[in-house]
């Protein structure tokens, strides 16, 4: 592949040519949701204008075309994750639904005292579904500590594992700290203790080039809107055995083989978990996004994003009013920080005056905020279409925002 050119990639995103408050848009809220390239936008329009129909069971041309595109997108997700087959990929509305699907499935067999291990850096989507099992089934939540540099305390994790551990659910990459966790080692230790493993890959699938077979996890979760795809679509990878062990999450059409008055037989995975009309256009759009993304050298993208992060950190070095949260070795291109004597929301609003879009608040990771001793933070998260000019504009806007409070 040719060397990665962020300017050529950027030119494929129509929204990045607009202005905000009279300034060129500098979009650094990618950890929340990424913008969409022309290839995805055109794909969505083409599906709606030329080949839309409901999928499966239809005998007419439009239904067959839509079904072929829908299932081809499933194959694309499987390739992207290096899953062994498309049958190990179940469509969901997003990462949150995928985690809830697994939690609800294993929850039916959870007994009081069964243990679920999560980490202090988890997004609420990978905390609350397990809390529901604590409330409803008597499960016990145990927490992997986060060290001062933003990495997981792996020694403490090993001590948490025991005969009552049923599930280990951790993020591949923190949405706040950018920490990339050793998910293969986490999985190996959990399996040795007889537990299953779910990896939240909503950030990792974008920046960490996941290989589910190399990781060895039982479940891996992705969401489309962070992968340059539409909202309302995600996917759950599960090993054949792990998916087969889960009962249906919802009931309705498509997820059954036969329905009678006194009995029912469910479809095999993955269709067992896809009740009703699925997000057809969105799934095809996710396939288009991953095909587009796979046309780049993923390692070169990661190097580019990390270089932008390092450039920002080097320009911010020595500012005694700034605290960067999380500097674990090998972290991804997410820069969360606090500013002395200024609230994160105020910093974000002032930066918006200069066209710079960043995120502020708890980032749906309240236990992590408490661990780091902050009530909120501002977050700049880099994507493949960001440039050195974006990074400089971000730093300049941040310094101006700070000056407002001095």
Protein backbone atom coordinates (compact mmCIF):
# COMPACT_ATOMS: atom_id res chain seq x y z
CA UNK A 1 0.00 0.00 0.00
CA UNK A 2 1.06 3.62 -0.57
CA UNK A 3 2.05 5.72 2.45
CA UNK A 4 -0.95 7.11 4.30
CA UNK A 5 -1.94 10.62 3.21
CA UNK A 6 -4.22 12.26 5.79
CA UNK A 7 -5.01 15.16 3.47
CA UNK A 8 -6.26 12.83 0.75
CA UNK A 9 -8.32 10.95 3.32
CA UNK A 10 -9.68 14.20 4.74
CA UNK A 11 -10.85 15.30 1.30
CA UNK A 12 -13.26 12.34 1.31
CA UNK A 13 -15.27 13.78 4.24
CA UNK A 14 -17.68 16.48 3.04
CA UNK A 15 -18.46 17.81 6.52
CA UNK A 16 -14.82 18.71 7.18
CA UNK A 17 -15.00 21.51 4.63
CA UNK A 18 -17.52 23.50 6.66
CA UNK A 19 -16.88 26.32 9.08
CA UNK A 20 -18.04 26.72 12.69
CA UNK A 21 -18.34 30.21 14.19
CA UNK A 22 -16.48 31.55 11.17
CA UNK A 23 -13.53 29.20 11.67
CA UNK A 24 -12.55 26.02 9.80
CA UNK A 25 -14.01 23.00 11.57
CA UNK A 26 -11.48 21.10 13.67
CA UNK A 27 -13.32 17.93 14.65
CA UNK A 28 -11.69 16.20 17.63
CA UNK A 29 -14.70 14.39 19.10
CA UNK A 30 -13.99 11.15 17.26
CA UNK A 31 -14.08 8.92 20.33
CA UNK A 32 -17.74 9.86 20.66
CA UNK A 33 -18.58 9.49 16.97
CA UNK A 34 -16.58 9.72 13.75
CA UNK A 35 -17.57 11.58 10.59
CA UNK A 36 -18.62 9.73 7.43
CA UNK A 37 -16.67 9.51 4.16
CA UNK A 38 -18.24 10.03 0.77
CA UNK A 39 -17.98 6.29 0.06
CA UNK A 40 -20.35 5.53 2.94
CA UNK A 41 -22.70 8.41 2.19
CA UNK A 42 -22.98 7.38 -1.46
CA UNK A 43 -23.54 3.76 -0.45
CA UNK A 44 -26.45 4.71 1.81
CA UNK A 45 -28.05 6.81 -0.91
CA UNK A 46 -27.59 4.04 -3.48
CA UNK A 47 -29.27 1.50 -1.23
CA UNK A 48 -32.28 3.75 -0.60
CA UNK A 49 -32.59 4.86 -4.23
CA UNK A 50 -31.94 1.61 -6.03
CA UNK A 51 -32.01 -1.62 -4.01
CA UNK A 52 -34.04 -1.20 -0.85
CA UNK A 53 -36.31 -3.98 0.38
CA UNK A 54 -36.64 -6.15 3.45
CA UNK A 55 -34.10 -8.94 3.70
CA UNK A 56 -34.45 -12.74 3.82
CA UNK A 57 -37.46 -14.75 2.69
CA UNK A 58 -38.32 -12.34 -0.11
CA UNK A 59 -38.49 -13.90 -3.57
CA UNK A 60 -38.35 -10.72 -5.64
CA UNK A 61 -35.30 -9.03 -7.11
CA UNK A 62 -35.02 -6.10 -4.69
CA UNK A 63 -35.21 -8.37 -1.66
CA UNK A 64 -32.57 -10.66 -3.09
CA UNK A 65 -30.27 -7.72 -3.82
CA UNK A 66 -30.73 -6.29 -0.33
CA UNK A 67 -30.19 -9.70 1.27
CA UNK A 68 -27.00 -10.28 -0.70
CA UNK A 69 -25.63 -6.86 0.32
CA UNK A 70 -26.72 -7.37 3.93
CA UNK A 71 -24.98 -10.74 4.24
CA UNK A 72 -21.94 -9.51 2.32
CA UNK A 73 -21.59 -6.81 4.99
CA UNK A 74 -21.62 -9.53 7.66
CA UNK A 75 -18.77 -11.22 5.80
CA UNK A 76 -16.89 -7.90 5.74
CA UNK A 77 -17.19 -7.53 9.52
CA UNK A 78 -15.94 -11.08 9.96
CA UNK A 79 -12.90 -10.36 7.79
CA UNK A 80 -12.21 -7.10 9.58
CA UNK A 81 -12.13 -8.85 12.97
CA UNK A 82 -10.46 -11.99 11.57
CA UNK A 83 -13.42 -14.01 12.76
CA UNK A 84 -13.48 -17.61 11.54
CA UNK A 85 -16.82 -17.29 9.74
CA UNK A 86 -19.73 -14.87 9.14
CA UNK A 87 -21.89 -17.11 11.34
CA UNK A 88 -19.95 -15.80 14.34
CA UNK A 89 -21.17 -12.22 13.69
CA UNK A 90 -24.57 -11.10 14.98
CA UNK A 91 -25.98 -7.70 14.04
CA UNK A 92 -27.03 -5.37 16.86
CA UNK A 93 -28.10 -1.73 17.11
CA UNK A 94 -24.68 -0.87 18.52
CA UNK A 95 -22.08 -1.80 21.11
CA UNK A 96 -24.44 -1.18 24.01
CA UNK A 97 -27.04 -3.62 22.72
CA UNK A 98 -24.36 -6.21 22.01
CA UNK A 99 -23.14 -6.13 25.62
CA UNK A 100 -26.70 -6.23 26.92
CA UNK A 101 -27.40 -9.22 24.66
CA UNK A 102 -24.57 -11.17 26.29
CA UNK A 103 -25.37 -10.00 29.82
CA UNK A 104 -29.02 -10.96 29.48
CA UNK A 105 -28.10 -14.33 28.03
CA UNK A 106 -25.71 -15.37 30.78
CA UNK A 107 -27.88 -13.67 33.37
CA UNK A 108 -30.47 -16.42 33.18
CA UNK A 109 -27.94 -18.83 34.69
CA UNK A 110 -26.29 -16.43 37.15
CA UNK A 111 -26.64 -17.49 40.77
CA UNK A 112 -26.13 -15.37 43.90
CA UNK A 113 -22.42 -15.02 44.57
CA UNK A 114 -21.30 -15.56 40.98
CA UNK A 115 -18.62 -13.01 40.15
CA UNK A 116 -18.24 -10.66 37.19
CA UNK A 117 -14.95 -8.79 36.78
CA UNK A 118 -14.83 -5.40 35.09
CA UNK A 119 -12.22 -2.65 35.20
CA UNK A 120 -12.30 0.85 36.63
CA UNK A 121 -11.84 2.30 33.13
CA UNK A 122 -15.00 0.83 31.58
CA UNK A 123 -17.59 2.84 29.69
CA UNK A 124 -21.00 2.73 31.36
CA UNK A 125 -22.16 0.45 28.55
CA UNK A 126 -19.83 -2.20 29.96
CA UNK A 127 -20.78 -1.52 33.58
CA UNK A 128 -24.52 -1.00 33.82
CA UNK A 129 -25.59 -4.33 32.19
CA UNK A 130 -23.51 -6.16 34.80
CA UNK A 131 -24.94 -4.00 37.59
CA UNK A 132 -28.37 -5.17 36.45
CA UNK A 133 -27.25 -8.74 37.12
CA UNK A 134 -25.97 -7.64 40.53
CA UNK A 135 -29.38 -6.14 41.34
CA UNK A 136 -31.54 -8.87 39.81
CA UNK A 137 -29.51 -12.06 40.17
CA UNK A 138 -27.20 -11.45 43.12
CA UNK A 139 -24.00 -11.31 41.06
CA UNK A 140 -20.91 -9.79 42.65
CA UNK A 141 -18.98 -7.15 40.71
CA UNK A 142 -15.22 -7.05 41.16
CA UNK A 143 -13.05 -4.26 39.81
CA UNK A 144 -9.60 -4.32 38.21
CA UNK A 145 -7.77 -1.24 39.54
CA UNK A 146 -6.33 1.40 37.24
CA UNK A 147 -2.77 2.46 38.00
CA UNK A 148 -1.61 6.07 38.12
CA UNK A 149 -0.37 6.00 34.51
CA UNK A 150 -3.74 4.76 33.26
CA UNK A 151 -2.81 1.11 32.77
CA UNK A 152 -4.58 -1.84 34.37
CA UNK A 153 -3.13 -3.45 37.48
CA UNK A 154 -2.64 -6.89 35.99
CA UNK A 155 -1.29 -8.37 39.24
CA UNK A 156 -4.46 -7.32 41.02
CA UNK A 157 -6.52 -8.76 38.16
CA UNK A 158 -4.87 -12.16 38.54
CA UNK A 159 -5.78 -12.09 42.23
CA UNK A 160 -9.42 -11.31 41.49
CA UNK A 161 -9.93 -14.44 39.39
CA UNK A 162 -11.35 -17.41 41.20
CA UNK A 163 -13.71 -20.37 41.03
CA UNK A 164 -16.78 -18.12 41.17
CA UNK A 165 -15.71 -15.90 38.27
CA UNK A 166 -18.25 -16.25 35.47
CA UNK A 167 -17.37 -13.35 33.19
CA UNK A 168 -14.54 -10.90 32.62
CA UNK A 169 -15.68 -7.81 30.69
CA UNK A 170 -13.03 -5.23 29.79
CA UNK A 171 -12.41 -2.61 27.16
CA UNK A 172 -9.84 -3.11 24.42
CA UNK A 173 -9.09 0.63 24.48
CA UNK A 174 -10.24 3.20 27.02
CA UNK A 175 -12.47 5.92 25.62
CA UNK A 176 -11.00 8.39 28.14
CA UNK A 177 -7.38 7.44 28.73
CA UNK A 178 -6.59 5.90 25.35
CA UNK A 179 -5.04 2.93 27.17
CA UNK A 180 -4.82 -0.18 25.00
CA UNK A 181 -5.22 -3.17 27.28
CA UNK A 182 -3.43 -6.54 26.97
CA UNK A 183 -6.65 -8.30 26.03
CA UNK A 184 -5.00 -11.56 24.92
CA UNK A 185 -3.35 -11.95 28.31
CA UNK A 186 -6.55 -10.93 30.10
CA UNK A 187 -8.36 -13.62 28.13
CA UNK A 188 -5.74 -16.29 28.78
CA UNK A 189 -5.87 -15.76 32.54
CA UNK A 190 -9.68 -15.72 32.59
CA UNK A 191 -9.96 -18.94 30.59
CA UNK A 192 -7.48 -20.62 32.92
CA UNK A 193 -9.88 -19.77 35.75
CA UNK A 194 -12.86 -21.14 33.82
CA UNK A 195 -14.41 -17.75 33.03
CA UNK A 196 -15.65 -16.31 29.76
CA UNK A 197 -14.41 -13.02 28.35
CA UNK A 198 -16.17 -10.13 26.65
CA UNK A 199 -14.05 -7.41 25.07
CA UNK A 200 -15.61 -4.00 24.45
CA UNK A 201 -14.02 -3.11 21.12
CA UNK A 202 -15.93 0.08 20.39
CA UNK A 203 -12.66 2.05 20.49
CA UNK A 204 -10.26 -0.83 19.90
CA UNK A 205 -11.86 -1.81 16.60
CA UNK A 206 -11.06 1.67 15.30
CA UNK A 207 -7.49 2.08 16.51
CA UNK A 208 -6.08 -1.27 17.63
CA UNK A 209 -6.58 -3.58 14.58
CA UNK A 210 -8.36 -6.38 16.47
CA UNK A 211 -7.85 -10.06 15.70
CA UNK A 212 -10.44 -11.98 17.67
CA UNK A 213 -8.78 -15.34 17.04
CA UNK A 214 -5.44 -14.06 18.31
CA UNK A 215 -7.13 -12.48 21.33
CA UNK A 216 -9.02 -15.69 22.01
CA UNK A 217 -12.00 -13.96 23.62
CA UNK A 218 -15.48 -15.44 23.75
CA UNK A 219 -17.18 -12.19 22.70
CA UNK A 220 -16.01 -9.00 21.01
CA UNK A 221 -18.24 -5.95 20.57
CA UNK A 222 -18.10 -3.23 17.90
CA UNK A 223 -20.21 -0.20 17.06
CA UNK A 224 -20.54 1.32 13.62
CA UNK A 225 -20.68 5.05 14.24
CA UNK A 226 -17.09 5.19 15.57
CA UNK A 227 -15.90 3.23 12.52
CA UNK A 228 -16.98 5.91 10.01
CA UNK A 229 -20.30 4.09 9.51
CA UNK A 230 -23.90 5.10 10.30
CA UNK A 231 -25.43 5.18 13.75
CA UNK A 232 -27.82 2.46 14.87
CA UNK A 233 -25.63 -0.47 13.85
CA UNK A 234 -23.11 -2.65 15.65
CA UNK A 235 -22.03 -6.23 15.79
CA UNK A 236 -21.31 -8.95 18.30
CA UNK A 237 -18.62 -11.51 17.56
CA UNK A 238 -18.86 -14.72 19.51
CA UNK A 239 -17.20 -18.07 19.19
CA UNK A 240 -19.52 -20.75 17.87
CA UNK A 241 -19.77 -22.34 21.31
CA UNK A 242 -20.31 -19.05 23.11
CA UNK A 243 -23.12 -17.95 20.79
CA UNK A 244 -24.76 -21.37 20.83
CA UNK A 245 -24.90 -21.24 24.65
CA UNK A 246 -26.85 -17.96 24.68
CA UNK A 247 -30.65 -17.97 24.66
CA UNK A 248 -32.48 -15.48 22.43
CA UNK A 249 -32.33 -11.85 23.54
CA UNK A 250 -35.58 -10.76 21.90
CA UNK A 251 -38.46 -12.58 20.27
CA UNK A 252 -40.08 -11.96 16.91
CA UNK A 253 -39.70 -12.68 13.25
CA UNK A 254 -36.48 -14.00 11.72
CA UNK A 255 -35.06 -15.49 14.95
CA UNK A 256 -37.16 -18.66 14.81
CA UNK A 257 -37.26 -21.88 12.83
CA UNK A 258 -40.80 -22.96 13.74
CA UNK A 259 -43.58 -21.55 15.91
CA UNK A 260 -46.53 -23.63 17.11
CA UNK A 261 -49.15 -23.08 19.77
CA UNK A 262 -47.37 -25.23 22.34
CA UNK A 263 -43.72 -25.11 21.28
CA UNK A 264 -41.09 -23.06 19.50
CA UNK A 265 -37.74 -23.80 17.94
CA UNK A 266 -35.20 -21.01 17.63
CA UNK A 267 -32.91 -20.30 14.70
CA UNK A 268 -29.24 -21.05 14.98
CA UNK A 269 -26.81 -18.20 15.68
CA UNK A 270 -26.42 -15.54 14.51
CA UNK A 271 -30.02 -15.16 13.32
CA UNK A 272 -31.26 -16.28 16.75
CA UNK A 273 -30.25 -12.82 18.01
CA UNK A 274 -31.72 -10.76 15.15
CA UNK A 275 -35.42 -10.50 15.88
CA UNK A 276 -37.53 -8.37 13.57
CA UNK A 277 -36.53 -6.23 10.65
CA UNK A 278 -32.85 -5.44 11.15
CA UNK A 279 -31.06 -2.14 10.46
CA UNK A 280 -30.57 -3.14 6.83
CA UNK A 281 -29.21 0.05 5.30
CA UNK A 282 -27.05 0.71 8.34
CA UNK A 283 -25.51 -2.78 8.25
CA UNK A 284 -24.70 -2.41 4.56
CA UNK A 285 -23.27 1.02 5.39
CA UNK A 286 -21.02 -0.51 8.06
CA UNK A 287 -19.80 -2.99 5.48
CA UNK A 288 -19.03 -0.12 3.12
CA UNK A 289 -17.18 1.76 5.86
CA UNK A 290 -15.01 -1.24 6.71
CA UNK A 291 -14.26 -1.91 3.05
CA UNK A 292 -13.22 1.73 2.71
CA UNK A 293 -11.14 1.65 5.89
CA UNK A 294 -9.47 -1.60 4.88
CA UNK A 295 -8.13 0.13 1.80
CA UNK A 296 -5.63 1.95 4.03
CA UNK A 297 -2.58 0.66 5.83
CA UNK A 298 -3.93 0.32 9.38
CA UNK A 299 -0.48 0.51 10.94
CA UNK A 300 0.23 3.72 9.03
CA UNK A 301 -3.05 5.22 10.26
CA UNK A 302 -2.19 4.32 13.85
CA UNK A 303 1.26 5.88 13.47
CA UNK A 304 -0.28 9.05 12.01
CA UNK A 305 -2.83 9.37 14.82
CA UNK A 306 -0.18 8.75 17.47
CA UNK A 307 2.09 11.38 15.89
CA UNK A 308 -0.72 13.93 16.19
CA UNK A 309 -1.19 13.02 19.84
CA UNK A 310 2.53 13.36 20.50
CA UNK A 311 2.63 16.70 18.70
CA UNK A 312 -0.16 18.00 20.92
CA UNK A 313 1.55 16.73 24.08
CA UNK A 314 4.88 18.28 23.07
CA UNK A 315 3.25 21.67 22.51
CA UNK A 316 1.44 21.44 25.85
CA UNK A 317 4.52 20.38 27.77
CA UNK A 318 5.41 22.69 30.64
CA UNK A 319 1.95 24.21 31.08
CA UNK A 320 1.53 23.93 34.84
CA UNK A 321 -2.22 24.55 34.65
CA UNK A 322 -2.83 21.42 32.55
CA UNK A 323 -3.13 17.83 33.75
CA UNK A 324 -3.19 15.02 31.21
CA UNK A 325 -5.12 11.92 32.31
CA UNK A 326 -3.47 8.63 31.42
CA UNK A 327 -0.09 8.22 29.79
CA UNK A 328 0.23 4.45 29.62
CA UNK A 329 2.83 3.06 27.27
CA UNK A 330 1.48 2.36 23.79
CA UNK A 331 -1.76 4.27 24.37
CA UNK A 332 -3.99 5.39 21.54
CA UNK A 333 -4.57 8.92 20.28
CA UNK A 334 -6.96 10.17 22.95
CA UNK A 335 -5.99 13.19 25.05
CA UNK A 336 -8.13 13.76 28.15
CA UNK A 337 -7.13 16.62 30.41
CA UNK A 338 -8.19 19.05 33.10
CA UNK A 339 -7.47 22.78 33.30
CA UNK A 340 -6.82 24.40 36.67
CA UNK A 341 -9.57 26.74 37.87
CA UNK A 342 -11.81 26.02 34.87
CA UNK A 343 -14.62 23.54 34.34
CA UNK A 344 -14.33 21.16 31.39
CA UNK A 345 -17.66 22.31 29.98
CA UNK A 346 -16.53 25.93 29.93
CA UNK A 347 -13.27 25.00 28.22
CA UNK A 348 -15.13 23.04 25.53
CA UNK A 349 -17.61 25.85 24.91
CA UNK A 350 -14.89 28.47 24.52
CA UNK A 351 -12.89 26.20 22.20
CA UNK A 352 -15.99 25.84 20.05
CA UNK A 353 -15.80 29.58 19.37
CA UNK A 354 -12.59 28.82 17.49
CA UNK A 355 -14.18 25.97 15.53
CA UNK A 356 -12.61 23.24 17.66
CA UNK A 357 -14.97 20.41 18.64
CA UNK A 358 -13.95 18.49 21.77
CA UNK A 359 -15.91 16.52 24.36
CA UNK A 360 -16.34 17.49 28.02
CA UNK A 361 -17.79 15.75 31.07
CA UNK A 362 -17.49 12.28 32.57
CA UNK A 363 -17.37 10.55 29.16
CA UNK A 364 -19.72 7.81 30.45
CA UNK A 365 -16.95 6.56 32.73
CA UNK A 366 -17.83 7.80 36.21
CA UNK A 367 -15.87 5.17 38.19
CA UNK A 368 -12.76 6.12 36.21
CA UNK A 369 -13.27 9.82 36.91
CA UNK A 370 -13.47 9.08 40.63
CA UNK A 371 -10.36 6.91 40.41
CA UNK A 372 -8.47 9.75 38.72
CA UNK A 373 -9.78 12.27 41.24
CA UNK A 374 -11.65 14.50 38.79
CA UNK A 375 -15.26 15.58 38.46
CA UNK A 376 -14.99 16.11 34.70
CA UNK A 377 -12.41 16.40 31.94
CA UNK A 378 -12.06 17.66 28.41
CA UNK A 379 -11.16 15.16 25.68
CA UNK A 380 -9.62 15.56 22.27
CA UNK A 381 -9.64 12.36 20.23
CA UNK A 382 -7.85 12.05 16.90
CA UNK A 383 -8.93 10.24 13.74
CA UNK A 384 -7.28 9.43 10.43
CA UNK A 385 -8.55 12.64 8.82
CA UNK A 386 -7.03 14.94 11.43
CA UNK A 387 -3.87 16.86 10.56
CA UNK A 388 -1.01 18.73 12.18
CA UNK A 389 -2.93 21.93 11.42
CA UNK A 390 -5.89 20.56 13.39
CA UNK A 391 -3.60 19.77 16.29
CA UNK A 392 -2.08 23.23 16.30
CA UNK A 393 -5.54 24.81 16.13
CA UNK A 394 -6.59 22.67 19.09
CA UNK A 395 -3.60 23.75 21.21
CA UNK A 396 -4.01 27.40 20.26
CA UNK A 397 -7.72 27.31 21.15
CA UNK A 398 -7.02 25.59 24.44
CA UNK A 399 -4.46 28.23 25.45
CA UNK A 400 -6.90 31.00 24.52
CA UNK A 401 -9.64 29.29 26.52
CA UNK A 402 -7.37 29.13 29.55
CA UNK A 403 -6.52 32.82 29.20
CA UNK A 404 -10.23 33.60 29.51
CA UNK A 405 -10.09 32.45 33.16
CA UNK A 406 -6.85 34.13 34.14
